[in-house]
Amino acid sequence: MHVLGRLISAPSERSSGARRLLALGFALAGPAALAAVAVPFRSRLGLAGFLLFMLIIVLAVALRAGVLPAIVTVFAGFLLAGYFFIAPYDSLSVNLRINDVPLIAYLIVGTVLALLVDNLAAVAAEQRALREDLALSRTRIVTAADDTRRRIERDLHDGAQQRLVALSLGLRSAQMSIPGELDELSAELSTIAEGLSGVMEDLREMARGIHPSILAEGGIAPALRTLARRSPVPVALELETDGRLAAPIEVAAYYVVSESLTNIAKHSGASQAQVSARADQDGLTILISDDGVGGADPTRGSGITGLTDRVEALGGRLVVKSVPGAGTRIEALLPRREA
């Protein structure tokens, strides 16, 4: 059934003129060749075998060329069966009797089969087009979200952060110009300046979370090293990457690791975690595991669901295995696309 499904969902090249012409030739030559082979076994059993193989040929022609060549195949098989296997043999003056029900049944079944397969092929083609449209829509959504994050990060860096830096410098300058006898005022300004520095640091952390600049500048390897250093849980990091990958692939890998390490720190109770990233000709494989309590349910949180959507939108796959008492393992498989 799996093979049949793949054949039914074959590309639209089924409708090409050259393919149809080739299939039409096969629809005529195939039954004739089959009849020539079956003639020495001329009997009721031979007729049944011939009709069975003819239905297989009808199915193949319908799958690869469409309904019209398949109908031609059905009638070619009908005529050849009557000519070779129905008395008087080798004659087109066929006198069908009640004993020749298999031939009539073949005609009906073959026609219905041709129509059914062609209809299934049309439905499969429509479903394939819908799946492709859905995949493209998800990819566009992911790309648009990444572009928005980059723009927000850039606006925070070039706008709000720069203004806060200027205010902080002005405040420090004003503090230095205060006479020594105004200690209370100087202390208040110092407190305000320290608070302003804290706000700037918070803003930097927020900007890094929105879209880390180190990822855009250095790629996935240095970005993962930074995540490992910042993780409250010790991380054993193993990297086997060569060169840059496409930006959406690197961003997806980064957020998979970032979200996973955050969940490990918050919920797992783990004493250590392992992160590996390996890029080869098949793609980028990310593995994150921990020695925590396990039992995580990926359907109960929006974080893993969002990561799954992001990875699948890029043509990848995200697998979460979390056995109670045995830790959690997350595997992300992403296609390789060179930058």
C-alpha atoms as a PDB file:
ATOM      1  CA  MET A   1       0.000   0.000   0.000  1.00  0.00           C
ATOM      2  CA  HIS A   2       2.902   2.344   0.711  1.00  0.00           C
ATOM      3  CA  VAL A   3       4.268   1.810  -2.806  1.00  0.00           C
ATOM      4  CA  LEU A   4       0.798   2.303  -4.248  1.00  0.00           C
ATOM      5  CA  GLY A   5       0.447   5.554  -2.341  1.00  0.00           C
ATOM      6  CA  ARG A   6       3.749   6.819  -3.706  1.00  0.00           C
ATOM      7  CA  LEU A   7       2.739   5.911  -7.242  1.00  0.00           C
ATOM      8  CA  ILE A   8      -0.641   7.589  -6.879  1.00  0.00           C
ATOM      9  CA  SER A   9       1.022  10.747  -5.576  1.00  0.00           C
ATOM     10  CA  ALA A  10       3.487  10.761  -8.487  1.00  0.00           C
ATOM     11  CA  PRO A  11       4.359  14.166  -9.957  1.00  0.00           C
ATOM     12  CA  SER A  12       2.165  15.931 -12.434  1.00  0.00           C
ATOM     13  CA  GLU A  13       4.361  14.595 -15.208  1.00  0.00           C
ATOM     14  CA  ARG A  14       1.678  11.892 -15.510  1.00  0.00           C
ATOM     15  CA  SER A  15      -0.113  14.275 -17.821  1.00  0.00           C
ATOM     16  CA  SER A  16       2.792  15.016 -20.138  1.00  0.00           C
ATOM     17  CA  GLY A  17       2.191  14.247 -23.795  1.00  0.00           C
ATOM     18  CA  ALA A  18       5.259  12.040 -24.263  1.00  0.00           C
ATOM     19  CA  ARG A  19       4.391   9.969 -21.194  1.00  0.00           C
ATOM     20  CA  ARG A  20       0.810   9.529 -22.334  1.00  0.00           C
ATOM     21  CA  LEU A  21       1.944   8.448 -25.780  1.00  0.00           C
ATOM     22  CA  LEU A  22       4.390   5.956 -24.290  1.00  0.00           C
ATOM     23  CA  ALA A  23       1.720   4.629 -21.958  1.00  0.00           C
ATOM     24  CA  LEU A  24      -0.714   4.278 -24.851  1.00  0.00           C
ATOM     25  CA  GLY A  25       1.842   2.211 -26.726  1.00  0.00           C
ATOM     26  CA  PHE A  26       2.320   0.033 -23.665  1.00  0.00           C
ATOM     27  CA  ALA A  27      -1.469  -0.229 -23.279  1.00  0.00           C
ATOM     28  CA  LEU A  28      -1.634  -1.843 -26.719  1.00  0.00           C
ATOM     29  CA  ALA A  29       1.628  -3.755 -26.856  1.00  0.00           C
ATOM     30  CA  GLY A  30       1.481  -5.059 -23.281  1.00  0.00           C
ATOM     31  CA  PRO A  31      -1.779  -7.016 -23.668  1.00  0.00           C
ATOM     32  CA  ALA A  32      -0.656  -8.372 -27.039  1.00  0.00           C
ATOM     33  CA  ALA A  33       2.639  -9.621 -25.611  1.00  0.00           C
ATOM     34  CA  LEU A  34       0.853 -11.100 -22.607  1.00  0.00           C
ATOM     35  CA  ALA A  35      -1.659 -12.862 -24.851  1.00  0.00           C
ATOM     36  CA  ALA A  36       1.155 -14.343 -26.969  1.00  0.00           C
ATOM     37  CA  VAL A  37       2.720 -15.781 -23.812  1.00  0.00           C
ATOM     38  CA  ALA A  38      -0.606 -17.113 -22.493  1.00  0.00           C
ATOM     39  CA  VAL A  39      -1.869 -18.756 -25.715  1.00  0.00           C
ATOM     40  CA  PRO A  40      -0.029 -22.070 -25.106  1.00  0.00           C
ATOM     41  CA  PHE A  41      -1.958 -22.317 -21.837  1.00  0.00           C
ATOM     42  CA  ARG A  42      -5.328 -21.793 -23.495  1.00  0.00           C
ATOM     43  CA  SER A  43      -7.875 -22.900 -20.885  1.00  0.00           C
ATOM     44  CA  ARG A  44     -10.218 -21.481 -18.308  1.00  0.00           C
ATOM     45  CA  LEU A  45      -7.282 -21.213 -15.922  1.00  0.00           C
ATOM     46  CA  GLY A  46      -5.227 -19.541 -18.635  1.00  0.00           C
ATOM     47  CA  LEU A  47      -8.048 -17.038 -19.204  1.00  0.00           C
ATOM     48  CA  ALA A  48      -8.194 -16.250 -15.471  1.00  0.00           C
ATOM     49  CA  GLY A  49      -4.429 -15.737 -15.335  1.00  0.00           C
ATOM     50  CA  PHE A  50      -4.478 -13.525 -18.427  1.00  0.00           C
ATOM     51  CA  LEU A  51      -7.270 -11.344 -17.017  1.00  0.00           C
ATOM     52  CA  LEU A  52      -5.524 -11.048 -13.657  1.00  0.00           C
ATOM     53  CA  PHE A  53      -2.293  -9.842 -15.262  1.00  0.00           C
ATOM     54  CA  MET A  54      -4.313  -7.508 -17.464  1.00  0.00           C
ATOM     55  CA  LEU A  55      -5.790  -5.846 -14.376  1.00  0.00           C
ATOM     56  CA  ILE A  56      -2.248  -5.284 -13.106  1.00  0.00           C
ATOM     57  CA  ILE A  57      -1.335  -3.672 -16.436  1.00  0.00           C
ATOM     58  CA  VAL A  58      -4.466  -1.514 -16.283  1.00  0.00           C
ATOM     59  CA  LEU A  59      -3.490  -0.391 -12.789  1.00  0.00           C
ATOM     60  CA  ALA A  60       0.045   0.501 -13.891  1.00  0.00           C
ATOM     61  CA  VAL A  61      -1.154   2.441 -16.939  1.00  0.00           C
ATOM     62  CA  ALA A  62      -3.775   4.321 -14.885  1.00  0.00           C
ATOM     63  CA  LEU A  63      -1.176   5.296 -12.299  1.00  0.00           C
ATOM     64  CA  ARG A  64       1.403   6.530 -14.778  1.00  0.00           C
ATOM     65  CA  ALA A  65      -0.718   7.956 -17.610  1.00  0.00           C
ATOM     66  CA  GLY A  66      -4.286   8.523 -16.553  1.00  0.00           C
ATOM     67  CA  VAL A  67      -7.705   7.171 -17.279  1.00  0.00           C
ATOM     68  CA  LEU A  68      -7.874   7.223 -21.100  1.00  0.00           C
ATOM     69  CA  PRO A  69      -4.838   4.982 -21.785  1.00  0.00           C
ATOM     70  CA  ALA A  70      -6.089   2.709 -19.008  1.00  0.00           C
ATOM     71  CA  ILE A  71      -9.511   2.375 -20.654  1.00  0.00           C
ATOM     72  CA  VAL A  72      -7.767   1.565 -23.952  1.00  0.00           C
ATOM     73  CA  THR A  73      -5.830  -1.146 -22.092  1.00  0.00           C
ATOM     74  CA  VAL A  74      -9.048  -2.570 -20.649  1.00  0.00           C
ATOM     75  CA  PHE A  75     -10.680  -2.919 -24.064  1.00  0.00           C
ATOM     76  CA  ALA A  76      -7.506  -4.225 -25.680  1.00  0.00           C
ATOM     77  CA  GLY A  77      -7.370  -6.944 -23.032  1.00  0.00           C
ATOM     78  CA  PHE A  78     -11.071  -7.674 -23.523  1.00  0.00           C
ATOM     79  CA  LEU A  79     -10.678  -8.154 -27.274  1.00  0.00           C
ATOM     80  CA  LEU A  80      -7.529 -10.252 -26.956  1.00  0.00           C
ATOM     81  CA  ALA A  81      -9.098 -12.457 -24.288  1.00  0.00           C
ATOM     82  CA  GLY A  82     -12.133 -13.024 -26.485  1.00  0.00           C
ATOM     83  CA  TYR A  83      -9.950 -13.687 -29.531  1.00  0.00           C
ATOM     84  CA  PHE A  84      -7.586 -16.193 -27.930  1.00  0.00           C
ATOM     85  CA  PHE A  85      -9.499 -17.752 -25.058  1.00  0.00           C
ATOM     86  CA  ILE A  86     -13.178 -17.835 -26.105  1.00  0.00           C
ATOM     87  CA  ALA A  87     -14.373 -20.365 -28.689  1.00  0.00           C
ATOM     88  CA  PRO A  88     -14.238 -20.251 -31.644  1.00  0.00           C
ATOM     89  CA  TYR A  89     -10.540 -19.521 -30.967  1.00  0.00           C
ATOM     90  CA  ASP A  90      -8.564 -16.994 -33.006  1.00  0.00           C
ATOM     91  CA  SER A  91     -11.751 -15.325 -34.164  1.00  0.00           C
ATOM     92  CA  LEU A  92     -13.390 -12.012 -33.508  1.00  0.00           C
ATOM     93  CA  SER A  93     -16.858 -13.568 -33.880  1.00  0.00           C
ATOM     94  CA  VAL A  94     -17.109 -14.065 -30.144  1.00  0.00           C
ATOM     95  CA  ASN A  95     -20.342 -15.557 -28.861  1.00  0.00           C
ATOM     96  CA  LEU A  96     -20.366 -14.653 -25.193  1.00  0.00           C
ATOM     97  CA  ARG A  97     -22.199 -17.109 -22.997  1.00  0.00           C
ATOM     98  CA  ILE A  98     -22.968 -17.355 -19.344  1.00  0.00           C
ATOM     99  CA  ASN A  99     -19.698 -19.288 -18.900  1.00  0.00           C
ATOM    100  CA  ASP A 100     -17.785 -16.214 -20.051  1.00  0.00           C
ATOM    101  CA  VAL A 101     -18.722 -14.173 -16.968  1.00  0.00           C
ATOM    102  CA  PRO A 102     -15.012 -13.699 -16.041  1.00  0.00           C
ATOM    103  CA  LEU A 103     -14.499 -11.740 -19.269  1.00  0.00           C
ATOM    104  CA  ILE A 104     -17.470  -9.504 -18.581  1.00  0.00           C
ATOM    105  CA  ALA A 105     -16.380  -9.087 -14.954  1.00  0.00           C
ATOM    106  CA  TYR A 106     -12.904  -8.100 -16.155  1.00  0.00           C
ATOM    107  CA  LEU A 107     -14.397  -5.433 -18.404  1.00  0.00           C
ATOM    108  CA  ILE A 108     -16.397  -3.952 -15.538  1.00  0.00           C
ATOM    109  CA  VAL A 109     -13.660  -4.233 -12.894  1.00  0.00           C
ATOM    110  CA  GLY A 110     -10.974  -2.906 -15.241  1.00  0.00           C
ATOM    111  CA  THR A 111     -13.041   0.144 -16.168  1.00  0.00           C
ATOM    112  CA  VAL A 112     -13.941   0.889 -12.549  1.00  0.00           C
ATOM    113  CA  LEU A 113     -10.299   0.403 -11.525  1.00  0.00           C
ATOM    114  CA  ALA A 114      -9.089   2.861 -14.167  1.00  0.00           C
ATOM    115  CA  LEU A 115     -11.629   5.479 -13.098  1.00  0.00           C
ATOM    116  CA  LEU A 116     -10.965   4.928  -9.403  1.00  0.00           C
ATOM    117  CA  VAL A 117      -7.177   5.191  -9.677  1.00  0.00           C
ATOM    118  CA  ASP A 118      -7.399   8.329 -11.786  1.00  0.00           C
ATOM    119  CA  ASN A 119      -9.722   9.898  -9.210  1.00  0.00           C
ATOM    120  CA  LEU A 120      -7.386   8.880  -6.374  1.00  0.00           C
ATOM    121  CA  ALA A 121      -4.454  10.361  -8.260  1.00  0.00           C
ATOM    122  CA  ALA A 122      -6.315  13.659  -8.625  1.00  0.00           C
ATOM    123  CA  VAL A 123      -7.164  13.703  -4.917  1.00  0.00           C
ATOM    124  CA  ALA A 124      -3.564  12.832  -4.001  1.00  0.00           C
ATOM    125  CA  ALA A 125      -2.251  15.615  -6.232  1.00  0.00           C
ATOM    126  CA  GLU A 126      -4.605  18.088  -4.559  1.00  0.00           C
ATOM    127  CA  GLN A 127      -3.541  16.938  -1.097  1.00  0.00           C
ATOM    128  CA  ARG A 128       0.114  17.192  -2.082  1.00  0.00           C
ATOM    129  CA  ALA A 129      -0.444  20.737  -3.308  1.00  0.00           C
ATOM    130  CA  LEU A 130      -2.177  21.615  -0.030  1.00  0.00           C
ATOM    131  CA  ARG A 131       0.715  20.127   1.987  1.00  0.00           C
ATOM    132  CA  GLU A 132       3.221  22.105  -0.060  1.00  0.00           C
ATOM    133  CA  ASP A 133       1.218  25.305   0.412  1.00  0.00           C
ATOM    134  CA  LEU A 134       1.024  24.626   4.147  1.00  0.00           C
ATOM    135  CA  ALA A 135       4.778  24.027   4.369  1.00  0.00           C
ATOM    136  CA  LEU A 136       5.482  27.227   2.452  1.00  0.00           C
ATOM    137  CA  SER A 137       3.092  29.172   4.690  1.00  0.00           C
ATOM    138  CA  ARG A 138       4.778  27.862   7.836  1.00  0.00           C
ATOM    139  CA  THR A 139       8.180  28.738   6.407  1.00  0.00           C
ATOM    140  CA  ARG A 140       7.013  32.258   5.586  1.00  0.00           C
ATOM    141  CA  ILE A 141       5.648  32.659   9.126  1.00  0.00           C
ATOM    142  CA  VAL A 142       8.927  31.510  10.672  1.00  0.00           C
ATOM    143  CA  THR A 143      10.947  33.777   8.381  1.00  0.00           C
ATOM    144  CA  ALA A 144       8.700  36.744   9.105  1.00  0.00           C
ATOM    145  CA  ALA A 145       9.012  36.132  12.865  1.00  0.00           C
ATOM    146  CA  ASP A 146      12.820  35.983  12.593  1.00  0.00           C
ATOM    147  CA  ASP A 147      12.896  39.185  10.554  1.00  0.00           C
ATOM    148  CA  THR A 148      10.711  40.884  13.161  1.00  0.00           C
ATOM    149  CA  ARG A 149      13.014  39.735  15.961  1.00  0.00           C
ATOM    150  CA  ARG A 150      16.065  41.047  14.104  1.00  0.00           C
ATOM    151  CA  ARG A 151      14.362  44.390  13.584  1.00  0.00           C
ATOM    152  CA  ILE A 152      13.383  44.663  17.253  1.00  0.00           C
ATOM    153  CA  GLU A 153      16.898  43.695  18.349  1.00  0.00           C
ATOM    154  CA  ARG A 154      18.388  46.279  15.990  1.00  0.00           C
ATOM    155  CA  ASP A 155      15.967  48.960  17.175  1.00  0.00           C
ATOM    156  CA  LEU A 156      16.760  48.200  20.805  1.00  0.00           C
ATOM    157  CA  HIS A 157      20.487  48.319  20.141  1.00  0.00           C
ATOM    158  CA  ASP A 158      20.550  51.370  17.907  1.00  0.00           C
ATOM    159  CA  GLY A 159      17.738  53.261  19.596  1.00  0.00           C
ATOM    160  CA  ALA A 160      16.872  52.655  23.239  1.00  0.00           C
ATOM    161  CA  GLN A 161      20.277  51.349  24.312  1.00  0.00           C
ATOM    162  CA  GLN A 162      22.167  54.230  22.734  1.00  0.00           C
ATOM    163  CA  ARG A 163      19.878  56.773  24.367  1.00  0.00           C
ATOM    164  CA  LEU A 164      20.277  55.090  27.752  1.00  0.00           C
ATOM    165  CA  VAL A 165      24.060  55.100  27.333  1.00  0.00           C
ATOM    166  CA  ALA A 166      23.975  58.819  26.527  1.00  0.00           C
ATOM    167  CA  LEU A 167      21.781  59.494  29.576  1.00  0.00           C
ATOM    168  CA  SER A 168      24.088  57.451  31.787  1.00  0.00           C
ATOM    169  CA  LEU A 169      27.154  59.361  30.595  1.00  0.00           C
ATOM    170  CA  GLY A 170      25.376  62.666  31.129  1.00  0.00           C
ATOM    171  CA  LEU A 171      24.344  61.593  34.595  1.00  0.00           C
ATOM    172  CA  ARG A 172      27.888  60.590  35.522  1.00  0.00           C
ATOM    173  CA  SER A 173      29.180  63.896  34.178  1.00  0.00           C
ATOM    174  CA  ALA A 174      26.616  65.798  36.239  1.00  0.00           C
ATOM    175  CA  GLN A 175      27.576  63.773  39.319  1.00  0.00           C
ATOM    176  CA  MET A 176      31.254  64.689  38.914  1.00  0.00           C
ATOM    177  CA  SER A 177      30.396  68.385  38.749  1.00  0.00           C
ATOM    178  CA  ILE A 178      28.499  68.386  42.076  1.00  0.00           C
ATOM    179  CA  PRO A 179      30.334  70.193  44.884  1.00  0.00           C
ATOM    180  CA  GLY A 180      31.749  67.979  47.640  1.00  0.00           C
ATOM    181  CA  GLU A 181      29.419  69.391  50.288  1.00  0.00           C
ATOM    182  CA  LEU A 182      26.369  67.997  48.434  1.00  0.00           C
ATOM    183  CA  ASP A 183      27.038  64.378  49.377  1.00  0.00           C
ATOM    184  CA  GLU A 184      23.386  63.367  49.567  1.00  0.00           C
ATOM    185  CA  LEU A 185      22.675  64.626  46.063  1.00  0.00           C
ATOM    186  CA  SER A 186      25.792  62.859  44.757  1.00  0.00           C
ATOM    187  CA  ALA A 187      24.686  59.619  46.436  1.00  0.00           C
ATOM    188  CA  GLU A 188      21.213  59.898  44.895  1.00  0.00           C
ATOM    189  CA  LEU A 189      22.663  60.482  41.447  1.00  0.00           C
ATOM    190  CA  SER A 190      24.993  57.507  41.952  1.00  0.00           C
ATOM    191  CA  THR A 191      22.009  55.321  42.851  1.00  0.00           C
ATOM    192  CA  ILE A 192      20.138  56.519  39.765  1.00  0.00           C
ATOM    193  CA  ALA A 193      23.191  55.862  37.585  1.00  0.00           C
ATOM    194  CA  GLU A 194      23.541  52.329  38.949  1.00  0.00           C
ATOM    195  CA  GLY A 195      19.847  51.698  38.330  1.00  0.00           C
ATOM    196  CA  LEU A 196      20.256  53.008  34.802  1.00  0.00           C
ATOM    197  CA  SER A 197      23.183  50.649  34.266  1.00  0.00           C
ATOM    198  CA  GLY A 198      20.991  47.772  35.460  1.00  0.00           C
ATOM    199  CA  VAL A 199      18.263  48.762  33.013  1.00  0.00           C
ATOM    200  CA  MET A 200      20.796  48.800  30.180  1.00  0.00           C
ATOM    201  CA  GLU A 201      22.045  45.346  31.161  1.00  0.00           C
ATOM    202  CA  ASP A 202      18.475  44.032  31.259  1.00  0.00           C
ATOM    203  CA  LEU A 203      17.867  45.548  27.851  1.00  0.00           C
ATOM    204  CA  ARG A 204      21.001  43.873  26.477  1.00  0.00           C
ATOM    205  CA  GLU A 205      19.847  40.509  27.824  1.00  0.00           C
ATOM    206  CA  MET A 206      16.426  41.070  26.295  1.00  0.00           C
ATOM    207  CA  ALA A 207      17.979  41.942  22.947  1.00  0.00           C
ATOM    208  CA  ARG A 208      20.192  38.840  23.069  1.00  0.00           C
ATOM    209  CA  GLY A 209      17.128  36.704  23.769  1.00  0.00           C
ATOM    210  CA  ILE A 210      15.231  38.222  20.877  1.00  0.00           C
ATOM    211  CA  HIS A 211      17.946  37.556  18.340  1.00  0.00           C
ATOM    212  CA  PRO A 212      21.501  36.955  19.558  1.00  0.00           C
ATOM    213  CA  SER A 213      24.004  39.011  17.614  1.00  0.00           C
ATOM    214  CA  ILE A 214      26.711  36.380  18.133  1.00  0.00           C
ATOM    215  CA  LEU A 215      24.610  33.957  16.079  1.00  0.00           C
ATOM    216  CA  ALA A 216      24.397  36.363  13.156  1.00  0.00           C
ATOM    217  CA  GLU A 217      28.078  37.271  13.381  1.00  0.00           C
ATOM    218  CA  GLY A 218      29.790  33.981  14.265  1.00  0.00           C
ATOM    219  CA  GLY A 219      27.359  31.208  13.444  1.00  0.00           C
ATOM    220  CA  ILE A 220      25.909  28.311  15.366  1.00  0.00           C
ATOM    221  CA  ALA A 221      29.125  27.052  17.048  1.00  0.00           C
ATOM    222  CA  PRO A 222      30.052  30.206  19.043  1.00  0.00           C
ATOM    223  CA  ALA A 223      26.370  30.839  19.777  1.00  0.00           C
ATOM    224  CA  LEU A 224      25.999  27.376  21.358  1.00  0.00           C
ATOM    225  CA  ARG A 225      29.205  27.884  23.344  1.00  0.00           C
ATOM    226  CA  THR A 226      27.712  31.088  24.755  1.00  0.00           C
ATOM    227  CA  LEU A 227      24.507  29.283  25.717  1.00  0.00           C
ATOM    228  CA  ALA A 228      26.516  26.547  27.432  1.00  0.00           C
ATOM    229  CA  ARG A 229      28.534  29.101  29.451  1.00  0.00           C
ATOM    230  CA  ARG A 230      25.401  30.910  30.592  1.00  0.00           C
ATOM    231  CA  SER A 231      23.497  27.776  31.562  1.00  0.00           C
ATOM    232  CA  PRO A 232      22.968  27.364  35.347  1.00  0.00           C
ATOM    233  CA  VAL A 233      23.325  23.596  34.808  1.00  0.00           C
ATOM    234  CA  PRO A 234      26.822  22.473  33.700  1.00  0.00           C
ATOM    235  CA  VAL A 235      26.801  21.587  30.006  1.00  0.00           C
ATOM    236  CA  ALA A 236      29.117  19.165  28.198  1.00  0.00           C
ATOM    237  CA  LEU A 237      29.285  20.568  24.681  1.00  0.00           C
ATOM    238  CA  GLU A 238      30.335  18.646  21.559  1.00  0.00           C
ATOM    239  CA  LEU A 239      30.440  20.471  18.236  1.00  0.00           C
ATOM    240  CA  GLU A 240      31.151  19.011  14.804  1.00  0.00           C
ATOM    241  CA  THR A 241      30.213  21.800  12.445  1.00  0.00           C
ATOM    242  CA  ASP A 242      32.052  23.028   9.372  1.00  0.00           C
ATOM    243  CA  GLY A 243      31.259  26.495   8.090  1.00  0.00           C
ATOM    244  CA  ARG A 244      28.015  28.406   8.121  1.00  0.00           C
ATOM    245  CA  LEU A 245      24.564  27.080   7.412  1.00  0.00           C
ATOM    246  CA  ALA A 246      21.554  28.988   6.160  1.00  0.00           C
ATOM    247  CA  ALA A 247      20.312  31.552   8.684  1.00  0.00           C
ATOM    248  CA  PRO A 248      16.900  29.873   9.318  1.00  0.00           C
ATOM    249  CA  ILE A 249      18.672  26.568  10.088  1.00  0.00           C
ATOM    250  CA  GLU A 250      21.080  28.189  12.535  1.00  0.00           C
ATOM    251  CA  VAL A 251      18.313  30.178  14.225  1.00  0.00           C
ATOM    252  CA  ALA A 252      16.166  27.057  14.638  1.00  0.00           C
ATOM    253  CA  ALA A 253      19.096  25.103  16.107  1.00  0.00           C
ATOM    254  CA  TYR A 254      19.899  27.967  18.487  1.00  0.00           C
ATOM    255  CA  TYR A 255      16.362  28.226  19.830  1.00  0.00           C
ATOM    256  CA  VAL A 256      16.055  24.447  20.216  1.00  0.00           C
ATOM    257  CA  VAL A 257      19.154  24.433  22.441  1.00  0.00           C
ATOM    258  CA  SER A 258      18.202  27.644  24.257  1.00  0.00           C
ATOM    259  CA  GLU A 259      14.671  26.468  25.095  1.00  0.00           C
ATOM    260  CA  SER A 260      15.914  23.011  26.089  1.00  0.00           C
ATOM    261  CA  LEU A 261      18.580  24.355  28.452  1.00  0.00           C
ATOM    262  CA  THR A 262      16.055  26.740  29.989  1.00  0.00           C
ATOM    263  CA  ASN A 263      13.646  23.858  30.635  1.00  0.00           C
ATOM    264  CA  ILE A 264      16.456  21.737  32.081  1.00  0.00           C
ATOM    265  CA  ALA A 265      17.389  24.501  34.516  1.00  0.00           C
ATOM    266  CA  LYS A 266      13.777  25.179  35.539  1.00  0.00           C
ATOM    267  CA  HIS A 267      12.160  21.769  35.686  1.00  0.00           C
ATOM    268  CA  SER A 268      14.532  18.806  35.429  1.00  0.00           C
ATOM    269  CA  GLY A 269      16.537  18.954  38.637  1.00  0.00           C
ATOM    270  CA  ALA A 270      19.502  17.745  36.567  1.00  0.00           C
ATOM    271  CA  SER A 271      23.097  17.944  37.733  1.00  0.00           C
ATOM    272  CA  GLN A 272      24.451  18.120  34.199  1.00  0.00           C
ATOM    273  CA  ALA A 273      23.391  18.305  30.569  1.00  0.00           C
ATOM    274  CA  GLN A 274      24.902  17.278  27.261  1.00  0.00           C
ATOM    275  CA  VAL A 275      24.562  19.174  23.986  1.00  0.00           C
ATOM    276  CA  SER A 276      25.947  17.991  20.668  1.00  0.00           C
ATOM    277  CA  ALA A 277      25.676  19.537  17.220  1.00  0.00           C
ATOM    278  CA  ARG A 278      26.857  17.618  14.184  1.00  0.00           C
ATOM    279  CA  ALA A 279      26.636  18.845  10.600  1.00  0.00           C
ATOM    280  CA  ASP A 280      27.184  16.480   7.678  1.00  0.00           C
ATOM    281  CA  GLN A 281      25.957  16.117   4.122  1.00  0.00           C
ATOM    282  CA  ASP A 282      22.526  14.979   5.354  1.00  0.00           C
ATOM    283  CA  GLY A 283      21.915  17.955   7.611  1.00  0.00           C
ATOM    284  CA  LEU A 284      22.378  19.301  11.112  1.00  0.00           C
ATOM    285  CA  THR A 285      21.647  17.034  14.073  1.00  0.00           C
ATOM    286  CA  ILE A 286      21.152  18.571  17.515  1.00  0.00           C
ATOM    287  CA  LEU A 287      21.032  16.334  20.610  1.00  0.00           C
ATOM    288  CA  ILE A 288      20.248  17.647  24.111  1.00  0.00           C
ATOM    289  CA  SER A 289      20.023  15.318  27.100  1.00  0.00           C
ATOM    290  CA  ASP A 290      20.105  15.566  30.893  1.00  0.00           C
ATOM    291  CA  ASP A 291      20.197  13.324  33.971  1.00  0.00           C
ATOM    292  CA  GLY A 292      17.134  14.889  35.544  1.00  0.00           C
ATOM    293  CA  VAL A 293      13.818  13.519  36.724  1.00  0.00           C
ATOM    294  CA  GLY A 294      12.391  13.079  33.213  1.00  0.00           C
ATOM    295  CA  GLY A 295       8.676  12.692  32.624  1.00  0.00           C
ATOM    296  CA  ALA A 296       8.402  15.863  30.564  1.00  0.00           C
ATOM    297  CA  ASP A 297       5.233  16.143  28.462  1.00  0.00           C
ATOM    298  CA  PRO A 298       5.947  18.167  25.300  1.00  0.00           C
ATOM    299  CA  THR A 299       2.219  18.624  24.662  1.00  0.00           C
ATOM    300  CA  ARG A 300       1.699  20.598  27.878  1.00  0.00           C
ATOM    301  CA  GLY A 301       3.962  23.526  27.048  1.00  0.00           C
ATOM    302  CA  SER A 302       3.930  25.985  24.195  1.00  0.00           C
ATOM    303  CA  GLY A 303       7.747  26.192  24.046  1.00  0.00           C
ATOM    304  CA  ILE A 304       8.384  22.719  22.619  1.00  0.00           C
ATOM    305  CA  THR A 305       5.294  23.024  20.400  1.00  0.00           C
ATOM    306  CA  GLY A 306       6.666  26.245  18.931  1.00  0.00           C
ATOM    307  CA  LEU A 307      10.068  24.634  18.382  1.00  0.00           C
ATOM    308  CA  THR A 308       8.417  21.657  16.672  1.00  0.00           C
ATOM    309  CA  ASP A 309       6.529  23.983  14.329  1.00  0.00           C
ATOM    310  CA  ARG A 310       9.721  25.901  13.543  1.00  0.00           C
ATOM    311  CA  VAL A 311      11.758  22.758  12.843  1.00  0.00           C
ATOM    312  CA  GLU A 312       9.037  21.098  10.754  1.00  0.00           C
ATOM    313  CA  ALA A 313       8.476  24.305   8.789  1.00  0.00           C
ATOM    314  CA  LEU A 314      12.087  23.981   7.619  1.00  0.00           C
ATOM    315  CA  GLY A 315      11.572  20.361   6.584  1.00  0.00           C
ATOM    316  CA  GLY A 316      13.113  18.942   9.762  1.00  0.00           C
ATOM    317  CA  ARG A 317      11.951  16.805  12.667  1.00  0.00           C
ATOM    318  CA  LEU A 318      11.956  17.211  16.455  1.00  0.00           C
ATOM    319  CA  VAL A 319      11.745  14.165  18.741  1.00  0.00           C
ATOM    320  CA  VAL A 320      11.341  14.376  22.526  1.00  0.00           C
ATOM    321  CA  LYS A 321      11.904  11.313  24.734  1.00  0.00           C
ATOM    322  CA  SER A 322      11.428  11.797  28.459  1.00  0.00           C
ATOM    323  CA  VAL A 323      11.186   8.699  30.662  1.00  0.00           C
ATOM    324  CA  PRO A 324      10.360   9.303  34.344  1.00  0.00           C
ATOM    325  CA  GLY A 325      13.522   8.876  36.360  1.00  0.00           C
ATOM    326  CA  ALA A 326      15.726   8.587  33.291  1.00  0.00           C
ATOM    327  CA  GLY A 327      16.094  12.184  32.132  1.00  0.00           C
ATOM    328  CA  THR A 328      15.032  13.841  28.895  1.00  0.00           C
ATOM    329  CA  ARG A 329      16.476  13.586  25.406  1.00  0.00           C
ATOM    330  CA  ILE A 330      15.632  15.986  22.581  1.00  0.00           C
ATOM    331  CA  GLU A 331      16.767  15.340  19.026  1.00  0.00           C
ATOM    332  CA  ALA A 332      16.347  17.897  16.247  1.00  0.00           C
ATOM    333  CA  LEU A 333      17.113  16.949  12.651  1.00  0.00           C
ATOM    334  CA  LEU A 334      17.411  19.913  10.305  1.00  0.00           C
ATOM    335  CA  PRO A 335      18.163  19.887   6.567  1.00  0.00           C
ATOM    336  CA  ARG A 336      21.553  21.179   5.487  1.00  0.00           C
ATOM    337  CA  ARG A 337      21.375  24.395   3.536  1.00  0.00           C
ATOM    338  CA  GLU A 338      24.621  26.252   2.971  1.00  0.00           C
ATOM    339  CA  ALA A 339      24.656  29.946   3.720  1.00  0.00           C
END
